[in-house]
């Protein structure tokens, strides 16, 4: 299903002239320099093809003859390779192995002679002359190379151009035709029915690597591969176990690499890299809107941090810039979410009836693991993402906080010190799955937030919102008859024990702060964890302290009255609270705190 859908998307992209997708036999590669050769085979210049991005020079992406899948052996690419293969130069930060470098150059020369010899093309003949006369022992001292040696030794891919001619050698029609004929001659001899197209065709022995999945090897990782004898079936080895034709294999891997290379079609959630695409559209409006719904505010992600220090995964042409129409549509949808109105009615300018695909991939050594795969109508996905934001809605602690919380913000709250690198590896995937399916949030998320609150006694906007959303969805699915409503702000009709105890704790803390203005540490710093788990052992102590605080505070009688109102709804202080009740405690505490602040602000504004 996944491969079939990706192959169909490749066909859609191939029919779109503006997609820039590679046609069969070609692939995208990152190129740094172009070697200019004269008609008589002399190297006359080096052109720097890098582009500037974020004040750094990075590789340029272009379509080149399809790259080979390298492991540890020597395998040359056609018309585009690094300096070891093209010039016989040692790459910086690579072992100095003259024999291997010589083997690389020899393989490169042999490949090009086998394809280009006898070809009636000036560019092909010039390249053959160059390769035949080039002296690898003197390469570093060549007057042209010596001026660019430092850049060439970085190991970027190099292409060729004929002096005085436009374009690159690999773009010349005779050379492209010769390459296609060579590929046809190298087609797989194993014939079988392709699982994707259903046609009898040559079966791909190895599937191309997928690049761009965060955490995977930089050279790419395989989505389909077999490397153990236990995986063989009826004597079929490697990818012949799952027969996919060479054309279909090229199509689905090219489409997936294209999606991963575009910030318009991908987001990173925890350790999972997610790609998404619409079945009947290549305009990108659907993808832009869904990405904006996942990240309604512009925030710097871990991926952005990496791209500041590392070579980016795409050039400037693939950077996503939200156009005014998408921004306006996003604002309209979010306003409908806040007002509780149906979202589908506000979907204008997008194909809401098209099928939409979402694929989550995570690294697994030299392979990729599929975290989730979902197919649904576009408007259904939008409804579920908006329901996620609606479930998270809670009163803000400060006016400048965002109305809608991003997934990245949620995951950071689960990690010690909010360190992105310490987020549980599987948490992002299961959270995303619950959002896309509209199912209860994972217990791992709920437990992680409760644990962090108990560890550092911090109940902030995001954590309270997550607690509320988790409890709300659980009750919607498992306790639909529940009469207690979890509201955005304080709900004085909620008399559940955990919620009332949380409210009481907030009032006791307020009494202490009124008695000792500017106090550095409150009862929350010492007692919050115990009060939310074992209230029977803590609240008697807190109540005795409260009497002292109330007598000392200027407005102690007013706080005392509030405390009495809350205590009236509490039958007893239980010895223990369940996990659900601990969440209610956190929610009651947070909403009571905000209610105290809100009432104070309203009182001051009325004066």
Protein backbone atom coordinates (compact mmCIF):
# COMPACT_ATOMS: atom_id res chain seq x y z
CA UNK A 1 0.00 0.00 0.00
CA UNK A 2 2.75 2.47 0.93
CA UNK A 3 4.94 1.68 -2.07
CA UNK A 4 1.95 1.63 -4.41
CA UNK A 5 0.81 5.07 -3.21
CA UNK A 6 4.31 6.51 -3.55
CA UNK A 7 4.61 5.12 -7.08
CA UNK A 8 1.28 6.73 -8.04
CA UNK A 9 2.52 10.02 -6.59
CA UNK A 10 5.64 9.71 -8.74
CA UNK A 11 3.47 9.38 -11.85
CA UNK A 12 1.56 12.51 -10.79
CA UNK A 13 4.79 14.45 -10.28
CA UNK A 14 6.18 13.21 -13.60
CA UNK A 15 3.20 14.72 -15.40
CA UNK A 16 3.76 18.07 -13.69
CA UNK A 17 6.50 20.04 -15.55
CA UNK A 18 7.09 22.25 -12.51
CA UNK A 19 7.73 19.45 -10.03
CA UNK A 20 11.44 19.04 -10.91
CA UNK A 21 11.15 15.29 -10.33
CA UNK A 22 13.81 13.05 -11.85
CA UNK A 23 12.74 10.96 -14.81
CA UNK A 24 13.71 7.26 -15.00
CA UNK A 25 17.47 6.80 -15.16
CA UNK A 26 18.22 10.05 -13.33
CA UNK A 27 18.26 11.16 -9.71
CA UNK A 28 18.85 14.25 -7.62
CA UNK A 29 22.39 14.84 -6.38
CA UNK A 30 24.18 17.56 -4.45
CA UNK A 31 26.86 19.09 -6.67
CA UNK A 32 29.55 21.53 -5.62
CA UNK A 33 31.70 22.13 -8.72
CA UNK A 34 31.82 21.80 -12.49
CA UNK A 35 34.97 20.81 -14.39
CA UNK A 36 35.32 22.60 -17.73
CA UNK A 37 37.18 20.63 -20.43
CA UNK A 38 38.26 21.83 -23.85
CA UNK A 39 37.55 20.07 -27.12
CA UNK A 40 41.01 18.47 -27.07
CA UNK A 41 40.50 17.06 -23.53
CA UNK A 42 42.34 19.65 -21.44
CA UNK A 43 41.04 20.82 -18.05
CA UNK A 44 40.64 24.58 -18.43
CA UNK A 45 38.58 25.64 -15.43
CA UNK A 46 36.55 24.85 -12.34
CA UNK A 47 33.17 26.52 -11.73
CA UNK A 48 31.85 26.79 -8.18
CA UNK A 49 28.19 25.72 -8.32
CA UNK A 50 27.40 26.16 -4.64
CA UNK A 51 24.58 28.45 -3.58
CA UNK A 52 24.46 30.77 -0.57
CA UNK A 53 22.04 29.97 2.21
CA UNK A 54 21.98 31.29 5.76
CA UNK A 55 25.27 33.03 4.98
CA UNK A 56 26.88 29.69 4.10
CA UNK A 57 27.80 28.12 0.76
CA UNK A 58 26.02 24.80 0.29
CA UNK A 59 25.72 22.25 -2.50
CA UNK A 60 23.40 22.82 -5.43
CA UNK A 61 20.88 20.11 -6.27
CA UNK A 62 20.46 18.98 -9.85
CA UNK A 63 19.26 16.02 -11.88
CA UNK A 64 22.14 13.74 -12.85
CA UNK A 65 22.40 10.15 -14.16
CA UNK A 66 21.12 7.81 -11.49
CA UNK A 67 23.60 7.29 -8.65
CA UNK A 68 24.74 3.83 -7.61
CA UNK A 69 24.06 2.39 -4.15
CA UNK A 70 27.50 2.25 -2.54
CA UNK A 71 28.55 0.22 0.46
CA UNK A 72 32.24 -0.46 1.08
CA UNK A 73 33.18 -1.47 -2.45
CA UNK A 74 34.28 0.57 -5.45
CA UNK A 75 31.42 1.62 -7.74
CA UNK A 76 31.59 4.61 -10.08
CA UNK A 77 28.76 6.94 -11.01
CA UNK A 78 28.21 8.20 -14.53
CA UNK A 79 29.04 11.86 -15.21
CA UNK A 80 28.80 12.90 -11.55
CA UNK A 81 31.05 11.75 -8.71
CA UNK A 82 33.49 12.93 -6.05
CA UNK A 83 37.11 13.95 -6.60
CA UNK A 84 38.52 10.47 -5.85
CA UNK A 85 36.61 8.94 -8.76
CA UNK A 86 36.76 11.89 -11.17
CA UNK A 87 40.31 13.17 -10.56
CA UNK A 88 42.09 10.58 -8.42
CA UNK A 89 42.40 13.03 -5.50
CA UNK A 90 42.21 12.12 -1.84
CA UNK A 91 39.22 13.55 0.01
CA UNK A 92 39.79 15.48 3.18
CA UNK A 93 38.97 13.52 6.35
CA UNK A 94 39.32 10.24 4.42
CA UNK A 95 42.14 7.67 4.91
CA UNK A 96 45.11 8.11 2.61
CA UNK A 97 44.86 4.89 0.56
CA UNK A 98 46.55 5.43 -2.82
CA UNK A 99 45.60 1.97 -4.10
CA UNK A 100 41.92 2.47 -3.41
CA UNK A 101 41.92 5.97 -4.92
CA UNK A 102 43.56 4.53 -8.04
CA UNK A 103 40.88 1.82 -8.20
CA UNK A 104 38.15 4.47 -7.93
CA UNK A 105 39.58 6.51 -10.80
CA UNK A 106 40.12 3.39 -12.93
CA UNK A 107 36.49 2.35 -12.37
CA UNK A 108 35.28 5.81 -13.38
CA UNK A 109 37.36 5.80 -16.58
CA UNK A 110 36.30 2.26 -17.48
CA UNK A 111 32.58 3.07 -17.05
CA UNK A 112 32.75 6.15 -19.26
CA UNK A 113 34.79 4.48 -21.98
CA UNK A 114 32.33 1.60 -22.13
CA UNK A 115 29.40 3.99 -22.59
CA UNK A 116 30.89 6.88 -24.60
CA UNK A 117 33.53 5.32 -26.88
CA UNK A 118 32.48 5.73 -30.51
CA UNK A 119 29.70 8.20 -29.67
CA UNK A 120 29.38 10.95 -32.26
CA UNK A 121 29.27 13.85 -29.83
CA UNK A 122 31.87 16.53 -29.27
CA UNK A 123 31.32 16.59 -25.52
CA UNK A 124 31.63 12.82 -25.15
CA UNK A 125 34.82 12.76 -27.22
CA UNK A 126 36.33 15.61 -25.17
CA UNK A 127 35.62 13.76 -21.92
CA UNK A 128 37.20 10.53 -23.20
CA UNK A 129 40.32 12.47 -24.21
CA UNK A 130 40.46 14.10 -20.79
CA UNK A 131 40.14 10.83 -18.89
CA UNK A 132 42.70 9.11 -21.13
CA UNK A 133 45.33 11.81 -20.63
CA UNK A 134 44.75 12.75 -16.99
CA UNK A 135 47.68 11.96 -14.68
CA UNK A 136 46.39 11.21 -11.19
CA UNK A 137 49.91 11.34 -9.70
CA UNK A 138 50.23 15.00 -10.70
CA UNK A 139 46.56 15.93 -10.16
CA UNK A 140 47.07 18.01 -7.02
CA UNK A 141 49.77 20.10 -8.74
CA UNK A 142 47.76 20.84 -11.88
CA UNK A 143 47.53 24.66 -12.22
CA UNK A 144 43.71 24.60 -12.38
CA UNK A 145 43.27 22.05 -9.59
CA UNK A 146 45.77 23.69 -7.23
CA UNK A 147 43.67 26.87 -7.15
CA UNK A 148 40.55 24.92 -6.08
CA UNK A 149 42.16 21.99 -4.26
CA UNK A 150 40.73 22.82 -0.84
CA UNK A 151 37.18 23.03 -2.15
CA UNK A 152 37.45 19.90 -4.35
CA UNK A 153 38.91 17.85 -1.49
CA UNK A 154 35.73 18.45 0.56
CA UNK A 155 34.29 15.48 -1.30
CA UNK A 156 31.32 17.11 -3.07
CA UNK A 157 30.08 15.75 -6.37
CA UNK A 158 31.54 17.11 -9.61
CA UNK A 159 29.99 17.38 -13.08
CA UNK A 160 31.43 18.32 -16.51
CA UNK A 161 30.92 21.06 -19.08
CA UNK A 162 32.39 21.49 -22.55
CA UNK A 163 34.26 24.77 -23.04
CA UNK A 164 32.22 27.25 -25.03
CA UNK A 165 29.00 25.19 -24.83
CA UNK A 166 25.90 25.70 -22.71
CA UNK A 167 24.64 23.20 -20.17
CA UNK A 168 26.41 20.19 -18.71
CA UNK A 169 27.69 17.10 -20.48
CA UNK A 170 25.14 14.82 -18.83
CA UNK A 171 22.36 16.98 -20.33
CA UNK A 172 23.48 16.53 -23.95
CA UNK A 173 20.99 14.44 -25.93
CA UNK A 174 23.44 11.87 -27.40
CA UNK A 175 24.97 11.23 -23.97
CA UNK A 176 21.55 10.87 -22.34
CA UNK A 177 20.53 8.38 -25.03
CA UNK A 178 23.75 6.40 -24.56
CA UNK A 179 23.12 6.30 -20.80
CA UNK A 180 19.56 5.01 -21.30
CA UNK A 181 20.81 2.25 -23.61
CA UNK A 182 23.47 1.28 -21.08
CA UNK A 183 20.89 1.07 -18.29
CA UNK A 184 18.62 -1.08 -20.44
CA UNK A 185 21.51 -3.47 -21.06
CA UNK A 186 22.10 -3.69 -17.29
CA UNK A 187 18.47 -4.49 -16.50
CA UNK A 188 17.79 -7.29 -14.07
CA UNK A 189 17.75 -10.79 -15.54
CA UNK A 190 15.28 -11.93 -12.90
CA UNK A 191 11.79 -11.62 -14.38
CA UNK A 192 8.65 -11.81 -12.26
CA UNK A 193 5.32 -10.12 -11.73
CA UNK A 194 5.81 -6.73 -10.08
CA UNK A 195 3.79 -6.37 -6.88
CA UNK A 196 3.14 -2.70 -7.68
CA UNK A 197 2.31 -2.57 -11.40
CA UNK A 198 1.28 -6.21 -11.91
CA UNK A 199 3.43 -6.40 -15.04
CA UNK A 200 5.98 -9.10 -15.88
CA UNK A 201 9.25 -7.19 -15.72
CA UNK A 202 12.82 -7.17 -14.43
CA UNK A 203 12.87 -7.20 -10.64
CA UNK A 204 15.08 -4.81 -8.71
CA UNK A 205 17.74 -6.58 -6.66
CA UNK A 206 18.43 -3.61 -4.38
CA UNK A 207 16.13 -0.68 -3.65
CA UNK A 208 17.65 2.80 -3.67
CA UNK A 209 18.45 4.43 -0.34
CA UNK A 210 16.03 6.90 1.21
CA UNK A 211 17.71 10.11 2.35
CA UNK A 212 16.49 12.85 4.66
CA UNK A 213 15.08 10.86 7.58
CA UNK A 214 16.36 12.51 10.75
CA UNK A 215 18.73 10.24 12.67
CA UNK A 216 19.33 7.82 9.79
CA UNK A 217 22.67 7.42 8.05
CA UNK A 218 23.65 10.42 5.94
CA UNK A 219 24.15 8.16 2.93
CA UNK A 220 20.56 7.00 3.25
CA UNK A 221 18.71 3.98 4.58
CA UNK A 222 16.62 1.26 2.98
CA UNK A 223 12.85 1.05 3.31
CA UNK A 224 12.81 -2.45 1.78
CA UNK A 225 15.73 -4.85 2.30
CA UNK A 226 16.59 -8.38 3.42
CA UNK A 227 19.92 -9.23 5.03
CA UNK A 228 19.45 -12.54 6.87
CA UNK A 229 19.05 -16.11 5.63
CA UNK A 230 16.00 -16.43 7.86
CA UNK A 231 14.25 -13.85 5.67
CA UNK A 232 14.61 -15.87 2.48
CA UNK A 233 11.55 -17.54 1.05
CA UNK A 234 11.47 -20.35 -1.54
CA UNK A 235 15.16 -19.72 -2.21
CA UNK A 236 14.64 -16.05 -3.11
CA UNK A 237 17.33 -13.76 -1.74
CA UNK A 238 17.57 -10.03 -1.06
CA UNK A 239 14.73 -7.94 -2.52
CA UNK A 240 13.59 -10.77 -4.78
CA UNK A 241 11.60 -11.80 -1.67
CA UNK A 242 9.30 -8.85 -2.37
CA UNK A 243 9.39 -8.53 -6.17
CA UNK A 244 9.17 -4.89 -7.20
CA UNK A 245 9.95 -3.98 -10.80
CA UNK A 246 12.89 -1.70 -11.51
CA UNK A 247 10.64 1.03 -12.88
CA UNK A 248 8.33 0.92 -9.85
CA UNK A 249 11.32 0.76 -7.50
CA UNK A 250 12.83 3.85 -9.08
CA UNK A 251 9.48 5.63 -8.98
CA UNK A 252 8.61 5.08 -5.34
CA UNK A 253 12.12 5.80 -4.02
CA UNK A 254 12.37 8.97 -6.14
CA UNK A 255 8.98 10.18 -4.94
CA UNK A 256 9.81 9.51 -1.28
CA UNK A 257 13.19 11.24 -1.54
CA UNK A 258 11.45 14.17 -3.24
CA UNK A 259 8.97 14.46 -0.35
CA UNK A 260 11.70 14.20 2.28
CA UNK A 261 13.70 16.87 0.47
CA UNK A 262 10.85 19.40 0.58
CA UNK A 263 10.00 21.31 3.75
CA UNK A 264 6.54 21.76 2.30
CA UNK A 265 5.91 18.03 2.57
CA UNK A 266 7.67 17.05 5.79
CA UNK A 267 7.78 17.79 9.49
CA UNK A 268 9.81 16.27 12.29
CA UNK A 269 8.02 15.01 15.40
CA UNK A 270 10.37 13.55 18.02
CA UNK A 271 12.46 10.86 16.33
CA UNK A 272 9.90 10.49 13.53
CA UNK A 273 10.12 12.26 10.18
CA UNK A 274 6.65 12.65 8.69
CA UNK A 275 5.87 13.20 5.01
CA UNK A 276 2.43 13.94 3.57
CA UNK A 277 0.95 14.53 0.15
CA UNK A 278 -2.36 14.94 -1.65
CA UNK A 279 -3.38 12.40 -4.28
CA UNK A 280 -4.86 14.75 -6.89
CA UNK A 281 -2.92 17.95 -6.39
CA UNK A 282 0.66 19.11 -6.83
CA UNK A 283 0.02 22.79 -6.04
CA UNK A 284 1.10 22.27 -2.42
CA UNK A 285 -1.76 24.27 -0.87
CA UNK A 286 -3.13 21.22 0.95
CA UNK A 287 0.31 20.34 2.32
CA UNK A 288 0.99 23.95 3.34
CA UNK A 289 -2.26 24.16 5.29
CA UNK A 290 -1.82 20.84 7.10
CA UNK A 291 1.76 21.70 8.05
CA UNK A 292 0.55 25.08 9.32
CA UNK A 293 -2.10 23.32 11.43
CA UNK A 294 0.56 21.13 13.02
CA UNK A 295 2.70 24.23 13.67
CA UNK A 296 0.21 27.14 13.90
CA UNK A 297 2.92 29.45 15.19
CA UNK A 298 6.35 30.08 13.73
CA UNK A 299 8.79 28.46 16.13
CA UNK A 300 12.36 27.25 15.75
CA UNK A 301 12.41 23.46 15.64
CA UNK A 302 15.24 21.03 16.30
CA UNK A 303 15.49 20.59 12.55
CA UNK A 304 16.07 24.33 12.12
CA UNK A 305 18.80 24.20 14.77
CA UNK A 306 20.53 21.37 12.92
CA UNK A 307 20.38 23.24 9.63
CA UNK A 308 22.20 26.17 11.20
CA UNK A 309 25.24 24.05 11.89
CA UNK A 310 25.00 21.33 9.27
CA UNK A 311 24.63 21.24 5.54
CA UNK A 312 20.91 21.66 4.80
CA UNK A 313 18.83 18.85 3.41
CA UNK A 314 17.51 20.99 0.55
CA UNK A 315 18.41 24.11 -1.38
CA UNK A 316 16.63 27.44 -1.18
CA UNK A 317 14.07 26.48 -3.81
CA UNK A 318 12.47 23.99 -1.41
CA UNK A 319 12.12 26.33 1.55
CA UNK A 320 8.50 26.75 2.64
CA UNK A 321 7.19 30.30 2.85
CA UNK A 322 3.58 30.60 3.93
CA UNK A 323 1.73 32.55 1.27
CA UNK A 324 -0.93 35.10 2.32
CA UNK A 325 -3.80 32.85 1.20
CA UNK A 326 -2.61 29.93 3.35
CA UNK A 327 -2.06 32.25 6.30
CA UNK A 328 -5.55 33.71 5.96
CA UNK A 329 -7.10 30.25 5.60
CA UNK A 330 -5.21 29.08 8.71
CA UNK A 331 -6.45 32.03 10.71
CA UNK A 332 -10.06 31.44 9.58
CA UNK A 333 -9.88 27.76 10.55
CA UNK A 334 -8.35 28.45 13.96
CA UNK A 335 -11.00 31.06 14.66
CA UNK A 336 -13.65 28.44 13.87
CA UNK A 337 -11.91 26.04 16.26
CA UNK A 338 -11.98 28.63 19.05
CA UNK A 339 -15.66 29.35 18.36
CA UNK A 340 -16.54 25.64 18.28
CA UNK A 341 -17.83 25.84 14.70
CA UNK A 342 -17.47 23.08 12.03
CA UNK A 343 -14.12 23.40 10.30
CA UNK A 344 -15.02 21.77 6.96
CA UNK A 345 -17.24 24.72 6.02
CA UNK A 346 -14.22 27.03 6.13
CA UNK A 347 -12.03 24.96 3.79
CA UNK A 348 -11.79 27.13 0.69
CA UNK A 349 -9.07 27.06 -1.95
CA UNK A 350 -8.13 23.42 -1.26
CA UNK A 351 -9.42 20.09 -2.55
CA UNK A 352 -11.06 18.82 0.62
CA UNK A 353 -12.36 15.64 -1.05
CA UNK A 354 -8.99 14.35 -2.26
CA UNK A 355 -7.27 11.42 -0.61
CA UNK A 356 -4.44 12.50 1.62
CA UNK A 357 -1.49 10.37 2.72
CA UNK A 358 0.65 10.67 5.85
CA UNK A 359 3.73 8.49 6.41
CA UNK A 360 5.92 8.52 9.51
CA UNK A 361 9.47 7.12 9.25
CA UNK A 362 12.10 6.60 11.96
CA UNK A 363 15.73 5.44 11.74
CA UNK A 364 16.60 1.82 12.49
CA UNK A 365 20.34 1.24 11.88
CA UNK A 366 20.79 1.06 8.09
CA UNK A 367 17.04 0.69 7.59
CA UNK A 368 13.86 2.64 8.18
CA UNK A 369 10.97 1.78 10.45
CA UNK A 370 7.42 2.80 9.57
CA UNK A 371 5.95 4.52 12.64
CA UNK A 372 2.53 5.14 11.09
CA UNK A 373 0.73 5.18 7.75
CA UNK A 374 -2.67 6.78 7.34
CA UNK A 375 -4.89 7.45 4.35
CA UNK A 376 -8.08 9.51 4.61
CA UNK A 377 -9.98 12.32 2.97
CA UNK A 378 -8.25 15.65 3.37
CA UNK A 379 -11.11 17.30 5.25
CA UNK A 380 -11.16 14.40 7.73
CA UNK A 381 -7.47 14.92 8.54
CA UNK A 382 -8.05 18.64 9.02
CA UNK A 383 -11.02 17.96 11.31
CA UNK A 384 -8.92 15.61 13.47
CA UNK A 385 -6.01 18.04 13.78
CA UNK A 386 -8.44 20.81 14.70
CA UNK A 387 -10.11 18.55 17.27
CA UNK A 388 -6.64 18.03 18.76
CA UNK A 389 -6.23 21.80 19.16
CA UNK A 390 -9.74 22.10 20.59
CA UNK A 391 -9.03 19.41 23.18
CA UNK A 392 -5.85 21.23 24.23
CA UNK A 393 -7.60 24.58 24.66
CA UNK A 394 -7.16 25.95 28.19
CA UNK A 395 -6.94 29.36 29.79
CA UNK A 396 -3.54 30.96 29.29
CA UNK A 397 -1.21 31.86 32.15
CA UNK A 398 0.06 34.94 30.27
CA UNK A 399 -1.59 36.87 27.42
CA UNK A 400 1.47 36.55 25.16
CA UNK A 401 1.32 32.75 25.14
CA UNK A 402 0.13 31.19 21.87
CA UNK A 403 -3.52 30.22 21.50
CA UNK A 404 -2.53 26.89 19.92
CA UNK A 405 0.21 24.59 21.21
CA UNK A 406 2.55 22.84 18.78
CA UNK A 407 3.48 19.16 18.95
CA UNK A 408 7.11 20.11 19.47
CA UNK A 409 6.19 22.13 22.57
CA UNK A 410 4.25 19.18 23.98
CA UNK A 411 7.13 16.75 23.49
CA UNK A 412 9.66 19.12 25.06
CA UNK A 413 7.61 19.26 28.25
CA UNK A 414 8.06 15.49 28.68
CA UNK A 415 11.87 15.65 28.73
CA UNK A 416 14.12 16.51 31.69
CA UNK A 417 15.16 20.16 31.48
CA UNK A 418 12.99 20.29 28.31
CA UNK A 419 15.95 18.95 26.38
CA UNK A 420 14.92 18.00 22.83
CA UNK A 421 17.48 15.20 22.73
CA UNK A 422 16.01 13.52 25.82
CA UNK A 423 12.49 13.04 24.48
CA UNK A 424 11.43 9.38 24.55
CA UNK A 425 12.13 8.00 21.04
CA UNK A 426 8.72 6.44 20.39
CA UNK A 427 6.59 9.15 21.98
CA UNK A 428 6.35 11.43 18.94
CA UNK A 429 5.10 8.59 16.75
CA UNK A 430 2.35 7.41 19.09
CA UNK A 431 1.25 10.99 19.77
CA UNK A 432 0.98 11.70 16.05
CA UNK A 433 -0.97 8.48 15.52
CA UNK A 434 -3.53 9.45 18.16
CA UNK A 435 -3.97 12.88 16.55
CA UNK A 436 -4.47 11.46 13.05
CA UNK A 437 -6.91 8.80 14.21
CA UNK A 438 -8.70 10.97 16.75
CA UNK A 439 -8.14 8.32 19.44
CA UNK A 440 -7.13 8.80 23.12
CA UNK A 441 -3.67 10.20 23.65
CA UNK A 442 -1.00 7.67 24.66
CA UNK A 443 -0.70 6.93 28.36
CA UNK A 444 3.05 7.39 27.93
CA UNK A 445 2.44 11.08 27.25
CA UNK A 446 0.13 11.49 30.24
CA UNK A 447 2.52 9.64 32.57
CA UNK A 448 5.51 11.62 31.32
CA UNK A 449 3.81 14.96 32.00
CA UNK A 450 2.69 13.86 35.49
CA UNK A 451 6.23 12.65 36.24
CA UNK A 452 7.80 15.93 35.11
CA UNK A 453 5.34 17.95 37.23
CA UNK A 454 6.15 15.88 40.30
CA UNK A 455 9.89 16.11 39.59
CA UNK A 456 10.18 19.88 39.12
CA UNK A 457 6.88 21.17 40.62
CA UNK A 458 6.14 23.23 37.51
CA UNK A 459 2.55 23.40 36.27
CA UNK A 460 2.66 25.57 33.17
CA UNK A 461 0.29 26.34 30.30
CA UNK A 462 1.40 23.49 28.03
CA UNK A 463 1.47 20.82 30.72
CA UNK A 464 -1.98 21.76 32.02
CA UNK A 465 -3.34 21.73 28.45
CA UNK A 466 -1.96 18.23 27.84
CA UNK A 467 -3.43 16.92 31.11
CA UNK A 468 -6.81 18.39 30.19
CA UNK A 469 -6.69 16.95 26.64
CA UNK A 470 -5.70 13.46 27.84
CA UNK A 471 -8.48 13.35 30.45
CA UNK A 472 -11.01 14.76 28.00
CA UNK A 473 -10.33 12.17 25.29
CA UNK A 474 -10.31 9.28 27.75
CA UNK A 475 -13.72 10.29 29.04
CA UNK A 476 -15.05 10.82 25.53
CA UNK A 477 -14.09 7.27 24.55
CA UNK A 478 -14.33 5.30 27.78
CA UNK A 479 -16.74 7.29 29.96
CA UNK A 480 -19.21 8.91 27.56
CA UNK A 481 -21.86 9.01 30.30
CA UNK A 482 -19.67 11.20 32.55
CA UNK A 483 -21.51 14.37 33.59
CA UNK A 484 -18.38 16.27 34.63
CA UNK A 485 -17.23 18.65 31.92
CA UNK A 486 -13.57 19.55 31.53
CA UNK A 487 -13.69 23.19 30.60
CA UNK A 488 -11.19 25.74 29.32
CA UNK A 489 -11.28 27.77 32.55
CA UNK A 490 -12.21 27.04 36.16
CA UNK A 491 -15.30 24.84 36.50
CA UNK A 492 -16.86 25.40 39.94
CA UNK A 493 -19.42 22.67 39.19
CA UNK A 494 -16.68 20.03 39.05
CA UNK A 495 -16.72 18.42 42.51
CA UNK A 496 -14.43 15.48 41.77
CA UNK A 497 -12.01 14.89 44.63
CA UNK A 498 -8.78 15.36 42.68
CA UNK A 499 -10.00 18.59 41.06
CA UNK A 500 -11.20 20.05 44.37
CA UNK A 501 -7.93 19.18 46.11
CA UNK A 502 -5.99 20.91 43.35
CA UNK A 503 -8.13 24.03 43.78
CA UNK A 504 -7.58 23.90 47.53
CA UNK A 505 -3.81 23.63 47.12
CA UNK A 506 -3.83 26.71 44.85
CA UNK A 507 -5.76 28.69 47.47
CA UNK A 508 -3.43 27.59 50.27
CA UNK A 509 -0.47 28.72 48.17
CA UNK A 510 -2.19 32.06 47.56
CA UNK A 511 -2.67 32.49 51.32
CA UNK A 512 1.04 31.95 51.87
CA UNK A 513 1.98 34.43 49.12
CA UNK A 514 -0.37 37.07 50.57
CA UNK A 515 1.20 36.59 53.99
CA UNK A 516 4.76 36.77 52.67
CA UNK A 517 4.84 38.89 49.47
CA UNK A 518 7.86 38.20 47.27
CA UNK A 519 8.58 34.84 48.89
CA UNK A 520 11.09 32.84 46.85
CA UNK A 521 9.73 29.36 47.53
CA UNK A 522 6.11 28.44 48.23
CA UNK A 523 4.42 25.27 49.48
CA UNK A 524 4.34 24.14 45.85
CA UNK A 525 8.14 23.73 45.82
CA UNK A 526 8.06 21.45 48.87
CA UNK A 527 4.68 19.74 48.96
CA UNK A 528 3.17 19.65 45.46
CA UNK A 529 4.33 16.15 44.50
CA UNK A 530 3.19 14.60 47.80
CA UNK A 531 -0.07 16.55 47.90
CA UNK A 532 -1.06 15.35 44.41
CA UNK A 533 -0.28 11.69 45.17
CA UNK A 534 -0.86 11.21 48.93
CA UNK A 535 -3.06 14.12 50.07
CA UNK A 536 -4.01 12.43 53.35
CA UNK A 537 -0.47 12.82 54.69
CA UNK A 538 0.10 16.40 53.51
CA UNK A 539 -3.09 18.47 53.64
CA UNK A 540 -3.48 18.38 57.46
CA UNK A 541 -0.06 20.02 57.67
CA UNK A 542 -0.95 22.56 55.00
CA UNK A 543 -4.23 23.44 56.71
CA UNK A 544 -2.43 24.23 59.98
CA UNK A 545 0.07 26.40 58.08
CA UNK A 546 -2.80 28.15 56.28
CA UNK A 547 -4.29 29.41 59.56
CA UNK A 548 -1.02 31.13 60.36
CA UNK A 549 -0.81 32.62 56.84
CA UNK A 550 -4.43 33.82 56.87
CA UNK A 551 -4.01 35.60 60.21
CA UNK A 552 -0.92 37.35 58.93
CA UNK A 553 -2.19 38.38 55.47
CA UNK A 554 -3.89 41.72 54.85
CA UNK A 555 -6.77 40.11 52.93
CA UNK A 556 -6.65 36.81 54.78
CA UNK A 557 -10.38 36.71 55.57
CA UNK A 558 -11.27 36.81 51.87
CA UNK A 559 -8.91 33.93 51.11
CA UNK A 560 -10.22 32.05 54.13
CA UNK A 561 -13.76 32.31 52.76
CA UNK A 562 -12.65 30.85 49.42
CA UNK A 563 -10.89 28.01 51.20
CA UNK A 564 -14.04 27.25 53.19
CA UNK A 565 -16.12 27.11 50.00
CA UNK A 566 -13.77 24.55 48.45
CA UNK A 567 -13.39 22.44 51.62
CA UNK A 568 -17.18 22.19 51.83
CA UNK A 569 -17.06 20.09 48.67
CA UNK A 570 -14.36 17.71 49.98
CA UNK A 571 -15.59 14.82 52.13
CA UNK A 572 -12.13 13.69 53.26
CA UNK A 573 -8.45 13.79 52.39
CA UNK A 574 -7.84 10.39 50.73
CA UNK A 575 -4.65 8.47 51.44
CA UNK A 576 -3.86 8.10 47.76
CA UNK A 577 -4.96 9.55 44.41
CA UNK A 578 -5.07 7.49 41.22
CA UNK A 579 -3.23 8.66 38.09
CA UNK A 580 -6.47 10.08 36.73
CA UNK A 581 -7.11 11.94 39.98
CA UNK A 582 -3.55 13.27 39.97
CA UNK A 583 -4.25 14.77 36.56
CA UNK A 584 -7.46 16.32 37.88
CA UNK A 585 -5.44 17.72 40.80
CA UNK A 586 -3.04 19.41 38.38
CA UNK A 587 -5.92 20.78 36.30
CA UNK A 588 -7.78 22.11 39.37
CA UNK A 589 -4.62 23.73 40.69
CA UNK A 590 -3.79 25.43 37.37
CA UNK A 591 -7.30 26.68 36.63
CA UNK A 592 -7.81 27.96 40.19
CA UNK A 593 -4.52 29.86 39.97
CA UNK A 594 -5.59 31.49 36.71
CA UNK A 595 -9.04 32.28 38.15
CA UNK A 596 -7.41 34.14 41.05
CA UNK A 597 -5.25 36.10 38.64
CA UNK A 598 -8.15 36.84 36.28
CA UNK A 599 -10.41 38.12 39.05
CA UNK A 600 -7.64 40.37 40.30
CA UNK A 601 -7.11 41.81 36.81
CA UNK A 602 -10.87 42.39 36.35
CA UNK A 603 -11.07 44.13 39.72
CA UNK A 604 -8.19 46.46 38.85
CA UNK A 605 -9.65 47.23 35.42
CA UNK A 606 -13.01 48.19 37.00
CA UNK A 607 -11.43 50.89 39.16
